Every structure is written in structure tokens, then in C-alpha cells.
Amino acid sequence: MLADITRHSRFTADEFRALATVQPVDPAALHRRIRAMIEDAEQFLAGLPSDAAGVVFVQEEIPVQPDTDHLDRYQRRPGSPGGIWPSSPEITSAMLEHYRAPRDS
């Protein structure tokens, strides 16, 4: 999925200017943030054993990003054909909190 996101996420400054946004979009800054998110995901995946890729890790019934050094602490919820992508207010809040502040590059 990360390769597909990287390969298919090419937009021009004109396409961003055409968006009806409250504030103008800075394509260069947005690109840097997305690239940083992809690099974080790649690093995380590199630390997972192959049998752990594609599962949702749960702790106390809440989906979490696991500590890759202690995967035995979590329940695993494997995907299934025709299944749905997990979502919850906790997942959304965690993602927004993690990526809210731009990083120094």
C-alpha cells in the first residue's frame, strides 16, 4: 500500500489551488509531511515480523500501534477477505495527534 500511495500521489500546485480550502495548501510542505508519514510507516513495518504484517494489534479492546519489541503484549486481529478497515474514535484521535504538529525536516 505504501508503494501505491507513493506512486499514485502526484499532484500539481494548480490542482491544490483548485481545492476549496479554508487556508491555502502549501504543496511543498504537504509533500514533506506525507513523505515523513510514509517513512514512519516504512520504519514501523521494517520492525515487524512477516506474520504480524496486516493485522490490527489490540490492547484492552482498543486498536494500538504496538511496541515491536513486545508484540506478545497484544491481541492480534487478522484481516479477512471482504472484511472492513478498522476505525474508531481512538484510531482517528491517535493519528491526528501524532501528525498534528509539523516536524522539523
PDB file of N, CA and C in Angstrom:
ATOM      1  N   MET A   1       0.815  -1.190   0.000  1.00  0.00           N
ATOM      2  CA  MET A   1       0.000   0.000   0.000  1.00  0.00           C
ATOM      3  C   MET A   1       0.862   1.260   0.000  1.00  0.00           C
ATOM      4  N   LEU A   2       1.948   1.225   0.754  1.00  0.00           N
ATOM      5  CA  LEU A   2       2.799   2.414   0.800  1.00  0.00           C
ATOM      6  C   LEU A   2       3.390   2.721  -0.569  1.00  0.00           C
ATOM      7  N   ALA A   3       3.789   1.691  -1.280  1.00  0.00           N
ATOM      8  CA  ALA A   3       4.330   1.899  -2.625  1.00  0.00           C
ATOM      9  C   ALA A   3       3.269   2.502  -3.542  1.00  0.00           C
ATOM     10  N   ASP A   4       2.036   2.032  -3.428  1.00  0.00           N
ATOM     11  CA  ASP A   4       0.945   2.585  -4.243  1.00  0.00           C
ATOM     12  C   ASP A   4       0.676   4.040  -3.896  1.00  0.00           C
ATOM     13  N   ILE A   5       0.691   4.357  -2.613  1.00  0.00           N
ATOM     14  CA  ILE A   5       0.477   5.745  -2.202  1.00  0.00           C
ATOM     15  C   ILE A   5       1.568   6.631  -2.796  1.00  0.00           C
ATOM     16  N   THR A   6       2.800   6.191  -2.687  1.00  0.00           N
ATOM     17  CA  THR A   6       3.923   6.965  -3.220  1.00  0.00           C
ATOM     18  C   THR A   6       3.820   7.103  -4.735  1.00  0.00           C
ATOM     19  N   ARG A   7       3.511   6.023  -5.396  1.00  0.00           N
ATOM     20  CA  ARG A   7       3.461   6.007  -6.856  1.00  0.00           C
ATOM     21  C   ARG A   7       2.300   6.835  -7.401  1.00  0.00           C
ATOM     22  N   HIS A   8       1.164   6.839  -6.723  1.00  0.00           N
ATOM     23  CA  HIS A   8      -0.037   7.463  -7.280  1.00  0.00           C
ATOM     24  C   HIS A   8      -0.409   8.791  -6.619  1.00  0.00           C
ATOM     25  N   SER A   9       0.444   9.327  -5.800  1.00  0.00           N
ATOM     26  CA  SER A   9       0.100  10.587  -5.127  1.00  0.00           C
ATOM     27  C   SER A   9       0.934  11.736  -5.686  1.00  0.00           C
ATOM     28  N   ARG A  10       0.753  11.989  -6.933  1.00  0.00           N
ATOM     29  CA  ARG A  10       1.460  13.091  -7.583  1.00  0.00           C
ATOM     30  C   ARG A  10       0.419  14.131  -8.009  1.00  0.00           C
ATOM     31  N   PHE A  11       0.487  15.298  -7.392  1.00  0.00           N
ATOM     32  CA  PHE A  11      -0.456  16.352  -7.689  1.00  0.00           C
ATOM     33  C   PHE A  11       0.318  17.629  -7.993  1.00  0.00           C
ATOM     34  N   THR A  12      -0.260  18.467  -8.828  1.00  0.00           N
ATOM     35  CA  THR A  12       0.396  19.723  -9.182  1.00  0.00           C
ATOM     36  C   THR A  12      -0.077  20.834  -8.251  1.00  0.00           C
ATOM     37  N   ALA A  13       0.691  21.926  -8.227  1.00  0.00           N
ATOM     38  CA  ALA A  13       0.310  23.091  -7.433  1.00  0.00           C
ATOM     39  C   ALA A  13      -1.039  23.634  -7.911  1.00  0.00           C
ATOM     40  N   ASP A  14      -1.302  23.584  -9.221  1.00  0.00           N
ATOM     41  CA  ASP A  14      -2.595  24.044  -9.752  1.00  0.00           C
ATOM     42  C   ASP A  14      -3.742  23.209  -9.209  1.00  0.00           C
ATOM     43  N   GLU A  15      -3.545  21.909  -9.065  1.00  0.00           N
ATOM     44  CA  GLU A  15      -4.598  21.055  -8.508  1.00  0.00           C
ATOM     45  C   GLU A  15      -4.888  21.423  -7.054  1.00  0.00           C
ATOM     46  N   PHE A  16      -3.852  21.756  -6.308  1.00  0.00           N
ATOM     47  CA  PHE A  16      -4.066  22.178  -4.927  1.00  0.00           C
ATOM     48  C   PHE A  16      -4.763  23.534  -4.860  1.00  0.00           C
ATOM     49  N   ARG A  17      -4.398  24.449  -5.747  1.00  0.00           N
ATOM     50  CA  ARG A  17      -5.039  25.773  -5.754  1.00  0.00           C
ATOM     51  C   ARG A  17      -6.525  25.660  -6.086  1.00  0.00           C
ATOM     52  N   ALA A  18      -6.907  24.638  -6.834  1.00  0.00           N
ATOM     53  CA  ALA A  18      -8.311  24.458  -7.226  1.00  0.00           C
ATOM     54  C   ALA A  18      -9.181  23.935  -6.083  1.00  0.00           C
ATOM     55  N   LEU A  19      -8.569  23.462  -5.011  1.00  0.00           N
ATOM     56  CA  LEU A  19      -9.330  22.934  -3.881  1.00  0.00           C
ATOM     57  C   LEU A  19      -9.981  24.070  -3.092  1.00  0.00           C
ATOM     58  N   ALA A  20     -11.192  23.825  -2.625  1.00  0.00           N
ATOM     59  CA  ALA A  20     -11.894  24.807  -1.793  1.00  0.00           C
ATOM     60  C   ALA A  20     -11.492  24.574  -0.342  1.00  0.00           C
ATOM     61  N   THR A  21     -10.393  25.180   0.068  1.00  0.00           N
ATOM     62  CA  THR A  21      -9.894  25.004   1.431  1.00  0.00           C
ATOM     63  C   THR A  21     -10.012  26.318   2.195  1.00  0.00           C
ATOM     64  N   VAL A  22     -10.075  26.220   3.511  1.00  0.00           N
ATOM     65  CA  VAL A  22     -10.169  27.405   4.358  1.00  0.00           C
ATOM     66  C   VAL A  22      -8.885  28.212   4.242  1.00  0.00           C
ATOM     67  N   GLN A  23      -7.747  27.517   4.244  1.00  0.00           N
ATOM     68  CA  GLN A  23      -6.452  28.161   4.095  1.00  0.00           C
ATOM     69  C   GLN A  23      -5.769  27.577   2.862  1.00  0.00           C
ATOM     70  N   PRO A  24      -4.920  28.350   2.200  1.00  0.00           N
ATOM     71  CA  PRO A  24      -4.212  27.812   1.045  1.00  0.00           C
ATOM     72  C   PRO A  24      -3.350  26.613   1.433  1.00  0.00           C
ATOM     73  N   VAL A  25      -3.209  25.679   0.519  1.00  0.00           N
ATOM     74  CA  VAL A  25      -2.387  24.494   0.744  1.00  0.00           C
ATOM     75  C   VAL A  25      -0.989  24.777   0.217  1.00  0.00           C
ATOM     76  N   ASP A  26       0.010  24.494   1.034  1.00  0.00           N
ATOM     77  CA  ASP A  26       1.401  24.616   0.605  1.00  0.00           C
ATOM     78  C   ASP A  26       1.830  23.239   0.108  1.00  0.00           C
ATOM     79  N   PRO A  27       1.860  23.033  -1.217  1.00  0.00           N
ATOM     80  CA  PRO A  27       2.161  21.692  -1.743  1.00  0.00           C
ATOM     81  C   PRO A  27       3.506  21.142  -1.275  1.00  0.00           C
ATOM     82  N   ALA A  28       4.524  21.984  -1.181  1.00  0.00           N
ATOM     83  CA  ALA A  28       5.841  21.501  -0.755  1.00  0.00           C
ATOM     84  C   ALA A  28       5.807  21.026   0.704  1.00  0.00           C
ATOM     85  N   ALA A  29       5.156  21.795   1.574  1.00  0.00           N
ATOM     86  CA  ALA A  29       5.067  21.405   2.986  1.00  0.00           C
ATOM     87  C   ALA A  29       4.216  20.148   3.138  1.00  0.00           C
ATOM     88  N   LEU A  30       3.122  20.071   2.387  1.00  0.00           N
ATOM     89  CA  LEU A  30       2.275  18.884   2.445  1.00  0.00           C
ATOM     90  C   LEU A  30       3.039  17.656   1.966  1.00  0.00           C
ATOM     91  N   HIS A  31       3.798  17.812   0.900  1.00  0.00           N
ATOM     92  CA  HIS A  31       4.599  16.696   0.392  1.00  0.00           C
ATOM     93  C   HIS A  31       5.603  16.219   1.447  1.00  0.00           C
ATOM     94  N   ARG A  32       6.261  17.167   2.132  1.00  0.00           N
ATOM     95  CA  ARG A  32       7.225  16.792   3.173  1.00  0.00           C
ATOM     96  C   ARG A  32       6.541  16.026   4.308  1.00  0.00           C
ATOM     97  N   ARG A  33       5.359  16.487   4.712  1.00  0.00           N
ATOM     98  CA  ARG A  33       4.636  15.799   5.800  1.00  0.00           C
ATOM     99  C   ARG A  33       4.201  14.399   5.378  1.00  0.00           C
ATOM    100  N   ILE A  34       3.679  14.277   4.167  1.00  0.00           N
ATOM    101  CA  ILE A  34       3.252  12.948   3.687  1.00  0.00           C
ATOM    102  C   ILE A  34       4.463  12.036   3.568  1.00  0.00           C
ATOM    103  N   ARG A  35       5.561  12.540   3.049  1.00  0.00           N
ATOM    104  CA  ARG A  35       6.776  11.733   2.917  1.00  0.00           C
ATOM    105  C   ARG A  35       7.244  11.261   4.299  1.00  0.00           C
ATOM    106  N   ALA A  36       7.177  12.147   5.300  1.00  0.00           N
ATOM    107  CA  ALA A  36       7.581  11.771   6.663  1.00  0.00           C
ATOM    108  C   ALA A  36       6.660  10.680   7.213  1.00  0.00           C
ATOM    109  N   MET A  37       5.358  10.786   6.942  1.00  0.00           N
ATOM    110  CA  MET A  37       4.416   9.760   7.393  1.00  0.00           C
ATOM    111  C   MET A  37       4.717   8.413   6.739  1.00  0.00           C
ATOM    112  N   ILE A  38       5.025   8.439   5.449  1.00  0.00           N
ATOM    113  CA  ILE A  38       5.351   7.198   4.741  1.00  0.00           C
ATOM    114  C   ILE A  38       6.636   6.601   5.291  1.00  0.00           C
ATOM    115  N   GLU A  39       7.631   7.443   5.561  1.00  0.00           N
ATOM    116  CA  GLU A  39       8.885   6.939   6.138  1.00  0.00           C
ATOM    117  C   GLU A  39       8.659   6.332   7.521  1.00  0.00           C
ATOM    118  N   ASP A  40       7.802   6.972   8.335  1.00  0.00           N
ATOM    119  CA  ASP A  40       7.456   6.401   9.648  1.00  0.00           C
ATOM    120  C   ASP A  40       6.824   5.018   9.477  1.00  0.00           C
ATOM    121  N   ALA A  41       5.888   4.917   8.543  1.00  0.00           N
ATOM    122  CA  ALA A  41       5.207   3.638   8.313  1.00  0.00           C
ATOM    123  C   ALA A  41       6.188   2.580   7.816  1.00  0.00           C
ATOM    124  N   GLU A  42       7.091   2.968   6.924  1.00  0.00           N
ATOM    125  CA  GLU A  42       8.087   2.017   6.418  1.00  0.00           C
ATOM    126  C   GLU A  42       8.998   1.524   7.543  1.00  0.00           C
ATOM    127  N   GLN A  43       9.417   2.428   8.417  1.00  0.00           N
ATOM    128  CA  GLN A  43      10.259   2.039   9.563  1.00  0.00           C
ATOM    129  C   GLN A  43       9.512   1.090  10.483  1.00  0.00           C
ATOM    130  N   PHE A  44       8.255   1.403  10.761  1.00  0.00           N
ATOM    131  CA  PHE A  44       7.450   0.562  11.617  1.00  0.00           C
ATOM    132  C   PHE A  44       7.312  -0.834  11.002  1.00  0.00           C
ATOM    133  N   LEU A  45       6.981  -0.893   9.731  1.00  0.00           N
ATOM    134  CA  LEU A  45       6.801  -2.191   9.071  1.00  0.00           C
ATOM    135  C   LEU A  45       8.098  -2.986   9.015  1.00  0.00           C
ATOM    136  N   ALA A  46       9.209  -2.298   8.873  1.00  0.00           N
ATOM    137  CA  ALA A  46      10.501  -2.997   8.832  1.00  0.00           C
ATOM    138  C   ALA A  46      10.793  -3.693  10.160  1.00  0.00           C
ATOM    139  N   GLY A  47      10.221  -3.194  11.257  1.00  0.00           N
ATOM    140  CA  GLY A  47      10.441  -3.794  12.562  1.00  0.00           C
ATOM    141  C   GLY A  47       9.475  -4.918  12.899  1.00  0.00           C
ATOM    142  N   LEU A  48       8.503  -5.164  12.027  1.00  0.00           N
ATOM    143  CA  LEU A  48       7.524  -6.224  12.280  1.00  0.00           C
ATOM    144  C   LEU A  48       7.958  -7.538  11.660  1.00  0.00           C
ATOM    145  N   PRO A  49       7.744  -8.644  12.352  1.00  0.00           N
ATOM    146  CA  PRO A  49       7.960  -9.936  11.694  1.00  0.00           C
ATOM    147  C   PRO A  49       6.888 -10.125  10.620  1.00  0.00           C
ATOM    148  N   SER A  50       7.192 -10.933   9.624  1.00  0.00           N
ATOM    149  CA  SER A  50       6.275 -11.072   8.495  1.00  0.00           C
ATOM    150  C   SER A  50       4.901 -11.583   8.898  1.00  0.00           C
ATOM    151  N   ASP A  51       4.810 -12.382   9.950  1.00  0.00           N
ATOM    152  CA  ASP A  51       3.495 -12.893  10.360  1.00  0.00           C
ATOM    153  C   ASP A  51       2.648 -11.835  11.074  1.00  0.00           C
ATOM    154  N   ALA A  52       3.224 -10.664  11.349  1.00  0.00           N
ATOM    155  CA  ALA A  52       2.484  -9.608  12.039  1.00  0.00           C
ATOM    156  C   ALA A  52       2.010  -8.513  11.083  1.00  0.00           C
ATOM    157  N   ALA A  53       2.460  -8.556   9.841  1.00  0.00           N
ATOM    158  CA  ALA A  53       2.031  -7.549   8.872  1.00  0.00           C
ATOM    159  C   ALA A  53       0.579  -7.814   8.492  1.00  0.00           C
ATOM    160  N   GLY A  54      -0.201  -6.743   8.451  1.00  0.00           N
ATOM    161  CA  GLY A  54      -1.586  -6.874   8.028  1.00  0.00           C
ATOM    162  C   GLY A  54      -2.564  -7.215   9.128  1.00  0.00           C
ATOM    163  N   VAL A  55      -2.124  -7.222  10.363  1.00  0.00           N
ATOM    164  CA  VAL A  55      -3.048  -7.470  11.467  1.00  0.00           C
ATOM    165  C   VAL A  55      -3.227  -6.187  12.269  1.00  0.00           C
ATOM    166  N   VAL A  56      -4.323  -6.109  12.988  1.00  0.00           N
ATOM    167  CA  VAL A  56      -4.551  -4.997  13.900  1.00  0.00           C
ATOM    168  C   VAL A  56      -4.185  -5.488  15.289  1.00  0.00           C
ATOM    169  N   PHE A  57      -3.387  -4.714  15.984  1.00  0.00           N
ATOM    170  CA  PHE A  57      -2.994  -5.053  17.344  1.00  0.00           C
ATOM    171  C   PHE A  57      -3.945  -4.352  18.296  1.00  0.00           C
ATOM    172  N   VAL A  58      -4.409  -5.099  19.287  1.00  0.00           N
ATOM    173  CA  VAL A  58      -5.416  -4.584  20.210  1.00  0.00           C
ATOM    174  C   VAL A  58      -4.914  -4.771  21.638  1.00  0.00           C
ATOM    175  N   GLN A  59      -5.161  -3.755  22.444  1.00  0.00           N
ATOM    176  CA  GLN A  59      -4.846  -3.833  23.870  1.00  0.00           C
ATOM    177  C   GLN A  59      -6.064  -3.301  24.616  1.00  0.00           C
ATOM    178  N   GLU A  60      -6.624  -4.140  25.469  1.00  0.00           N
ATOM    179  CA  GLU A  60      -7.842  -3.786  26.200  1.00  0.00           C
ATOM    180  C   GLU A  60      -8.950  -3.345  25.243  1.00  0.00           C
ATOM    181  N   GLU A  61      -9.105  -4.089  24.156  1.00  0.00           N
ATOM    182  CA  GLU A  61     -10.144  -3.860  23.146  1.00  0.00           C
ATOM    183  C   GLU A  61      -9.975  -2.562  22.362  1.00  0.00           C
ATOM    184  N   ILE A  62      -8.809  -1.926  22.463  1.00  0.00           N
ATOM    185  CA  ILE A  62      -8.548  -0.691  21.729  1.00  0.00           C
ATOM    186  C   ILE A  62      -7.419  -0.943  20.740  1.00  0.00           C
ATOM    187  N   PRO A  63      -7.633  -0.642  19.445  1.00  0.00           N
ATOM    188  CA  PRO A  63      -6.547  -0.784  18.463  1.00  0.00           C
ATOM    189  C   PRO A  63      -5.399   0.162  18.805  1.00  0.00           C
ATOM    190  N   VAL A  64      -4.168  -0.361  18.752  1.00  0.00           N
ATOM    191  CA  VAL A  64      -2.989   0.433  19.100  1.00  0.00           C
ATOM    192  C   VAL A  64      -1.872   0.167  18.107  1.00  0.00           C
ATOM    193  N   GLN A  65      -0.914   1.082  18.055  1.00  0.00           N
ATOM    194  CA  GLN A  65       0.325   0.805  17.337  1.00  0.00           C
ATOM    195  C   GLN A  65       1.236   0.120  18.340  1.00  0.00           C
ATOM    196  N   PRO A  66       1.598  -1.121  18.075  1.00  0.00           N
ATOM    197  CA  PRO A  66       2.328  -1.879  19.090  1.00  0.00           C
ATOM    198  C   PRO A  66       3.797  -1.503  19.189  1.00  0.00           C
ATOM    199  N   ASP A  67       4.357  -1.824  20.332  1.00  0.00           N
ATOM    200  CA  ASP A  67       5.801  -1.761  20.528  1.00  0.00           C
ATOM    201  C   ASP A  67       6.333  -3.020  19.849  1.00  0.00           C
ATOM    202  N   THR A  68       7.098  -2.861  18.791  1.00  0.00           N
ATOM    203  CA  THR A  68       7.541  -4.025  18.005  1.00  0.00           C
ATOM    204  C   THR A  68       8.489  -4.943  18.773  1.00  0.00           C
ATOM    205  N   ASP A  69       9.036  -4.477  19.888  1.00  0.00           N
ATOM    206  CA  ASP A  69       9.896  -5.333  20.703  1.00  0.00           C
ATOM    207  C   ASP A  69       9.100  -6.201  21.677  1.00  0.00           C
ATOM    208  N   HIS A  70       7.798  -5.930  21.790  1.00  0.00           N
ATOM    209  CA  HIS A  70       6.972  -6.659  22.763  1.00  0.00           C
ATOM    210  C   HIS A  70       5.607  -7.010  22.166  1.00  0.00           C
ATOM    211  N   LEU A  71       5.604  -7.627  21.010  1.00  0.00           N
ATOM    212  CA  LEU A  71       4.348  -7.935  20.331  1.00  0.00           C
ATOM    213  C   LEU A  71       3.492  -8.938  21.103  1.00  0.00           C
ATOM    214  N   ASP A  72       4.103  -9.680  21.999  1.00  0.00           N
ATOM    215  CA  ASP A  72       3.351 -10.667  22.772  1.00  0.00           C
ATOM    216  C   ASP A  72       2.386 -10.013  23.765  1.00  0.00           C
ATOM    217  N   ARG A  73       2.490  -8.707  23.964  1.00  0.00           N
ATOM    218  CA  ARG A  73       1.610  -7.999  24.901  1.00  0.00           C
ATOM    219  C   ARG A  73       0.231  -7.688  24.301  1.00  0.00           C
ATOM    220  N   TYR A  74       0.067  -7.943  23.024  1.00  0.00           N
ATOM    221  CA  TYR A  74      -1.133  -7.502  22.325  1.00  0.00           C
ATOM    222  C   TYR A  74      -1.919  -8.685  21.769  1.00  0.00           C
ATOM    223  N   GLN A  75      -3.220  -8.472  21.622  1.00  0.00           N
ATOM    224  CA  GLN A  75      -4.031  -9.419  20.871  1.00  0.00           C
ATOM    225  C   GLN A  75      -3.906  -9.040  19.401  1.00  0.00           C
ATOM    226  N   ARG A  76      -3.959 -10.041  18.548  1.00  0.00           N
ATOM    227  CA  ARG A  76      -3.897  -9.780  17.108  1.00  0.00           C
ATOM    228  C   ARG A  76      -5.269 -10.024  16.500  1.00  0.00           C
ATOM    229  N   ARG A  77      -5.670  -9.127  15.650  1.00  0.00           N
ATOM    230  CA  ARG A  77      -6.922  -9.275  14.917  1.00  0.00           C
ATOM    231  C   ARG A  77      -6.572  -9.308  13.431  1.00  0.00           C
ATOM    232  N   PRO A  78      -6.549 -10.518  12.856  1.00  0.00           N
ATOM    233  CA  PRO A  78      -6.182 -10.623  11.441  1.00  0.00           C
ATOM    234  C   PRO A  78      -7.287 -10.096  10.531  1.00  0.00           C
ATOM    235  N   GLY A  79      -6.887  -9.689   9.351  1.00  0.00           N
ATOM    236  CA  GLY A  79      -7.859  -9.272   8.350  1.00  0.00           C
ATOM    237  C   GLY A  79      -8.541 -10.489   7.760  1.00  0.00           C
ATOM    238  N   SER A  80      -9.587 -10.245   7.005  1.00  0.00           N
ATOM    239  CA  SER A  80     -10.275 -11.346   6.341  1.00  0.00           C
ATOM    240  C   SER A  80     -10.815 -10.857   5.006  1.00  0.00           C
ATOM    241  N   PRO A  81     -10.913 -11.758   4.031  1.00  0.00           N
ATOM    242  CA  PRO A  81     -11.471 -11.355   2.733  1.00  0.00           C
ATOM    243  C   PRO A  81     -12.873 -10.764   2.931  1.00  0.00           C
ATOM    244  N   GLY A  82     -13.100  -9.636   2.341  1.00  0.00           N
ATOM    245  CA  GLY A  82     -14.396  -8.982   2.474  1.00  0.00           C
ATOM    246  C   GLY A  82     -14.569  -8.250   3.789  1.00  0.00           C
ATOM    247  N   GLY A  83     -13.501  -8.223   4.608  1.00  0.00           N
ATOM    248  CA  GLY A  83     -13.572  -7.529   5.890  1.00  0.00           C
ATOM    249  C   GLY A  83     -13.563  -6.025   5.694  1.00  0.00           C
ATOM    250  N   ILE A  84     -13.563  -5.311   6.782  1.00  0.00           N
ATOM    251  CA  ILE A  84     -13.545  -3.852   6.712  1.00  0.00           C
ATOM    252  C   ILE A  84     -12.289  -3.327   7.379  1.00  0.00           C
ATOM    253  N   TRP A  85     -11.880  -2.139   6.989  1.00  0.00           N
ATOM    254  CA  TRP A  85     -10.741  -1.482   7.605  1.00  0.00           C
ATOM    255  C   TRP A  85     -11.180  -0.998   8.982  1.00  0.00           C
ATOM    256  N   PRO A  86     -10.440  -1.315  10.015  1.00  0.00           N
ATOM    257  CA  PRO A  86     -10.885  -0.918  11.354  1.00  0.00           C
ATOM    258  C   PRO A  86     -10.871   0.595  11.522  1.00  0.00           C
ATOM    259  N   SER A  87     -11.825   1.082  12.229  1.00  0.00           N
ATOM    260  CA  SER A  87     -11.880   2.502  12.513  1.00  0.00           C
ATOM    261  C   SER A  87     -12.540   2.688  13.867  1.00  0.00           C
ATOM    262  N   SER A  88     -12.113   3.702  14.547  1.00  0.00           N
ATOM    263  CA  SER A  88     -12.712   4.044  15.836  1.00  0.00           C
ATOM    264  C   SER A  88     -12.289   5.465  16.167  1.00  0.00           C
ATOM    265  N   PRO A  89     -12.992   6.087  17.095  1.00  0.00           N
ATOM    266  CA  PRO A  89     -12.567   7.424  17.517  1.00  0.00           C
ATOM    267  C   PRO A  89     -11.142   7.420  18.071  1.00  0.00           C
ATOM    268  N   GLU A  90     -10.746   6.317  18.719  1.00  0.00           N
ATOM    269  CA  GLU A  90      -9.399   6.235  19.272  1.00  0.00           C
ATOM    270  C   GLU A  90      -8.345   6.228  18.164  1.00  0.00           C
ATOM    271  N   ILE A  91      -8.611   5.481  17.080  1.00  0.00           N
ATOM    272  CA  ILE A  91      -7.662   5.442  15.963  1.00  0.00           C
ATOM    273  C   ILE A  91      -7.539   6.827  15.352  1.00  0.00           C
ATOM    274  N   THR A  92      -8.664   7.462  15.084  1.00  0.00           N
ATOM    275  CA  THR A  92      -8.649   8.790  14.478  1.00  0.00           C
ATOM    276  C   THR A  92      -7.923   9.784  15.374  1.00  0.00           C
ATOM    277  N   SER A  93      -8.233   9.786  16.655  1.00  0.00           N
ATOM    278  CA  SER A  93      -7.579  10.714  17.590  1.00  0.00           C
ATOM    279  C   SER A  93      -6.082  10.485  17.648  1.00  0.00           C
ATOM    280  N   ALA A  94      -5.676   9.226  17.707  1.00  0.00           N
ATOM    281  CA  ALA A  94      -4.244   8.920  17.782  1.00  0.00           C
ATOM    282  C   ALA A  94      -3.524   9.375  16.526  1.00  0.00           C
ATOM    283  N   MET A  95      -4.117   9.139  15.364  1.00  0.00           N
ATOM    284  CA  MET A  95      -3.478   9.553  14.111  1.00  0.00           C
ATOM    285  C   MET A  95      -3.374  11.071  14.027  1.00  0.00           C
ATOM    286  N   LEU A  96      -4.464  11.774  14.369  1.00  0.00           N
ATOM    287  CA  LEU A  96      -4.430  13.228  14.307  1.00  0.00           C
ATOM    288  C   LEU A  96      -3.428  13.810  15.296  1.00  0.00           C
ATOM    289  N   GLU A  97      -3.379  13.266  16.486  1.00  0.00           N
ATOM    290  CA  GLU A  97      -2.433  13.751  17.490  1.00  0.00           C
ATOM    291  C   GLU A  97      -0.994  13.528  17.036  1.00  0.00           C
ATOM    292  N   HIS A  98      -0.726  12.344  16.480  1.00  0.00           N
ATOM    293  CA  HIS A  98       0.634  12.014  16.056  1.00  0.00           C
ATOM    294  C   HIS A  98       1.113  12.926  14.930  1.00  0.00           C
ATOM    295  N   TYR A  99       0.230  13.251  14.002  1.00  0.00           N
ATOM    296  CA  TYR A  99       0.642  14.023  12.823  1.00  0.00           C
ATOM    297  C   TYR A  99       0.200  15.480  12.858  1.00  0.00           C
ATOM    298  N   ARG A 100      -0.324  15.954  13.980  1.00  0.00           N
ATOM    299  CA  ARG A 100      -0.823  17.322  14.059  1.00  0.00           C
ATOM    300  C   ARG A 100       0.285  18.348  13.872  1.00  0.00           C
ATOM    301  N   ALA A 101       1.345  18.251  14.605  1.00  0.00           N
ATOM    302  CA  ALA A 101       2.418  19.246  14.554  1.00  0.00           C
ATOM    303  C   ALA A 101       3.407  18.876  13.453  1.00  0.00           C
ATOM    304  N   PRO A 102       3.670  19.821  12.551  1.00  0.00           N
ATOM    305  CA  PRO A 102       4.688  19.542  11.522  1.00  0.00           C
ATOM    306  C   PRO A 102       6.035  19.295  12.164  1.00  0.00           C
ATOM    307  N   ARG A 103       6.804  18.426  11.545  1.00  0.00           N
ATOM    308  CA  ARG A 103       8.140  18.105  12.061  1.00  0.00           C
ATOM    309  C   ARG A 103       9.180  19.006  11.448  1.00  0.00           C
ATOM    310  N   ASP A 104      10.278  19.097  12.129  1.00  0.00           N
ATOM    311  CA  ASP A 104      11.430  19.789  11.551  1.00  0.00           C
ATOM    312  C   ASP A 104      12.044  18.849  10.536  1.00  0.00           C
ATOM    313  N   SER A 105      12.356  19.353   9.365  1.00  0.00           N
ATOM    314  CA  SER A 105      12.958  18.495   8.333  1.00  0.00           C
ATOM    315  C   SER A 105      14.334  18.976   7.974  1.00  0.00           C
TER     316      SER A 105
END
